Amino acid sequence: MGKPKVIVAFRDAEHIESLVELACQMSKGMDGDVTALHVLEVGPGLPLDAAPGVLDRGGNAILARAREVAAGKFGQQIATRLVRGREAGTSIVREAVDQRAALVVLGYHEKTGLSNLLLGSTVEFVVRHAPCRVIVQVQPPSGRES
């Protein structure tokens, strides 16, 4: 059996550093490998195998930044995966199953008021359906110091 796998999933570039840091720390403690994952949610009007290029550009930039952070700040080489799917949660869980992940790391943008009581639909789906442990790093709302 190979090394334990940690998947760190990104929605956007805003919190790459903190999520990569957490994933790298967890993988070192487990003597495991990290895979950075970005799910490109494709609406029902487009086929999942639509031509790459402009569609994938943002996700590829996010994953390149994750590799840079892991190598530059933590001296760790990480794998990356850009996956297309209709819903991010389903795609993240499928990747966790396919890669036999030991851990999934996600970020969640904290909301205020009543919505603060509920996790986002992607995070909630992954927490309920992942075949492994899930760590959710709550990110403060933009403009608020952590």
Protein backbone atom coordinates (compact mmCIF):
# COMPACT_ATOMS: atom_id res chain seq x y z
CA MET A 1 0.00 0.00 0.00
CA GLY A 2 1.29 3.49 -0.89
CA LYS A 3 1.64 6.63 1.15
CA PRO A 4 -1.49 8.24 2.63
CA LYS A 5 -2.98 10.89 0.36
CA VAL A 6 -4.19 14.32 1.37
CA ILE A 7 -6.43 16.16 -1.08
CA VAL A 8 -6.70 19.92 -0.70
CA ALA A 9 -9.54 21.42 -2.74
CA PHE A 10 -9.71 25.06 -3.83
CA ARG A 11 -12.68 27.02 -5.07
CA ASP A 12 -10.65 30.17 -5.75
CA ALA A 13 -7.21 31.65 -5.19
CA GLU A 14 -8.07 33.69 -2.10
CA HIS A 15 -6.90 31.23 0.59
CA ILE A 16 -4.40 29.03 -1.25
CA GLU A 17 -1.55 29.73 1.18
CA SER A 18 -3.42 28.79 4.35
CA LEU A 19 -4.99 25.68 2.82
CA VAL A 20 -1.71 24.48 1.29
CA GLU A 21 0.02 25.09 4.62
CA LEU A 22 -2.56 22.98 6.46
CA ALA A 23 -2.44 20.20 3.86
CA CYS A 24 1.38 20.12 3.88
CA GLN A 25 1.50 20.01 7.68
CA MET A 26 -1.04 17.20 7.80
CA SER A 27 0.73 15.20 5.09
CA LYS A 28 4.09 15.51 6.87
CA GLY A 29 2.53 14.22 10.07
CA MET A 30 1.12 11.27 8.14
CA ASP A 31 4.20 10.82 5.92
CA GLY A 32 1.85 11.28 2.98
CA ASP A 33 1.49 13.02 -0.36
CA VAL A 34 -0.61 16.06 -1.23
CA THR A 35 -2.80 16.54 -4.28
CA ALA A 36 -4.21 20.01 -4.92
CA LEU A 37 -7.63 19.80 -6.58
CA HIS A 38 -9.67 22.39 -8.40
CA VAL A 39 -13.13 21.48 -9.66
CA LEU A 40 -14.29 23.50 -12.62
CA GLU A 41 -18.06 23.48 -12.30
CA VAL A 42 -19.53 23.23 -15.79
CA GLY A 43 -23.14 24.26 -16.21
CA PRO A 44 -25.66 22.00 -17.90
CA GLY A 45 -25.45 24.03 -21.12
CA LEU A 46 -21.91 22.81 -21.85
CA PRO A 47 -20.55 19.30 -22.22
CA LEU A 48 -18.03 18.28 -19.55
CA ASP A 49 -15.48 17.59 -22.28
CA ALA A 50 -15.81 21.03 -23.91
CA ALA A 51 -12.56 22.25 -25.43
CA PRO A 52 -9.99 23.32 -22.83
CA GLY A 53 -8.28 26.67 -23.05
CA VAL A 54 -10.17 29.64 -21.71
CA LEU A 55 -12.46 27.36 -19.69
CA ASP A 56 -9.55 25.77 -17.78
CA ARG A 57 -7.25 28.81 -17.53
CA GLY A 58 -8.41 30.02 -14.09
CA GLY A 59 -8.21 26.54 -12.55
CA ASN A 60 -4.76 25.94 -13.98
CA ALA A 61 -3.56 29.26 -12.50
CA ILE A 62 -4.93 28.30 -9.07
CA LEU A 63 -3.16 24.93 -9.20
CA ALA A 64 0.10 26.51 -10.38
CA ARG A 65 -0.03 28.89 -7.42
CA ALA A 66 -0.66 25.96 -5.04
CA ARG A 67 2.47 24.20 -6.42
CA GLU A 68 4.51 27.39 -5.98
CA VAL A 69 3.38 27.86 -2.38
CA ALA A 70 4.05 24.22 -1.47
CA ALA A 71 7.52 24.25 -3.03
CA GLY A 72 8.55 27.74 -1.96
CA LYS A 73 7.22 27.89 1.59
CA PHE A 74 7.23 24.25 2.59
CA GLY A 75 9.80 22.60 0.30
CA GLN A 76 7.18 20.06 -0.74
CA GLN A 77 6.29 18.88 -4.22
CA ILE A 78 2.56 18.33 -4.68
CA ALA A 79 0.46 16.81 -7.43
CA THR A 80 -2.37 18.79 -9.01
CA ARG A 81 -5.67 17.82 -10.60
CA LEU A 82 -8.10 19.94 -12.56
CA VAL A 83 -11.44 18.16 -12.76
CA ARG A 84 -14.60 19.19 -14.55
CA GLY A 85 -17.92 18.40 -12.96
CA ARG A 86 -21.49 19.57 -12.58
CA GLU A 87 -21.16 19.96 -8.80
CA ALA A 88 -17.95 20.49 -6.85
CA GLY A 89 -18.96 18.37 -3.85
CA THR A 90 -19.68 15.27 -5.92
CA SER A 91 -16.41 15.70 -7.83
CA ILE A 92 -14.35 16.12 -4.65
CA VAL A 93 -15.85 12.99 -3.11
CA ARG A 94 -15.26 11.04 -6.34
CA GLU A 95 -11.59 12.11 -6.31
CA ALA A 96 -11.26 11.11 -2.66
CA VAL A 97 -12.64 7.66 -3.50
CA ASP A 98 -10.54 7.24 -6.67
CA GLN A 99 -7.32 8.33 -4.94
CA ARG A 100 -8.09 6.42 -1.74
CA ALA A 101 -7.53 9.64 0.18
CA ALA A 102 -6.86 9.54 3.90
CA LEU A 103 -7.86 13.19 4.33
CA VAL A 104 -9.60 16.01 2.45
CA VAL A 105 -8.85 19.64 3.35
CA LEU A 106 -11.38 22.31 2.37
CA GLY A 107 -11.83 25.99 3.01
CA TYR A 108 -15.11 27.59 3.97
CA HIS A 109 -15.87 31.30 3.79
CA GLU A 110 -17.54 32.22 7.05
CA LYS A 111 -20.85 33.94 6.68
CA THR A 112 -22.56 36.27 9.12
CA GLY A 113 -26.01 36.15 10.65
CA LEU A 114 -28.31 33.15 10.36
CA SER A 115 -26.39 31.70 7.41
CA ASN A 116 -23.40 31.34 9.76
CA LEU A 117 -25.15 28.29 11.25
CA LEU A 118 -25.11 26.38 7.97
CA LEU A 119 -22.12 25.16 6.00
CA GLY A 120 -22.04 25.73 2.29
CA SER A 121 -23.58 22.99 0.15
CA THR A 122 -20.21 21.82 -1.21
CA VAL A 123 -18.60 21.55 2.22
CA GLU A 124 -21.65 19.89 3.71
CA PHE A 125 -21.80 17.33 0.89
CA VAL A 126 -18.10 16.46 1.23
CA VAL A 127 -18.30 16.20 5.02
CA ARG A 128 -21.28 13.83 4.77
CA HIS A 129 -20.08 11.67 1.87
CA ALA A 130 -16.27 11.56 1.82
CA PRO A 131 -14.79 8.11 2.48
CA CYS A 132 -12.16 9.65 4.76
CA ARG A 133 -11.62 12.36 7.33
CA VAL A 134 -12.34 15.93 6.30
CA ILE A 135 -10.85 19.09 7.79
CA VAL A 136 -12.69 22.33 7.11
CA GLN A 137 -10.67 25.49 7.64
CA VAL A 138 -13.09 28.35 8.27
CA GLN A 139 -11.98 31.54 6.58
CA PRO A 140 -13.10 34.88 8.04
CA PRO A 141 -15.24 37.12 5.83
CA SER A 142 -13.21 39.33 3.49
CA GLY A 143 -11.93 42.45 5.17
CA ARG A 144 -11.83 40.92 8.66
CA GLU A 145 -8.50 39.97 10.19
CA SER A 146 -8.05 36.39 11.32
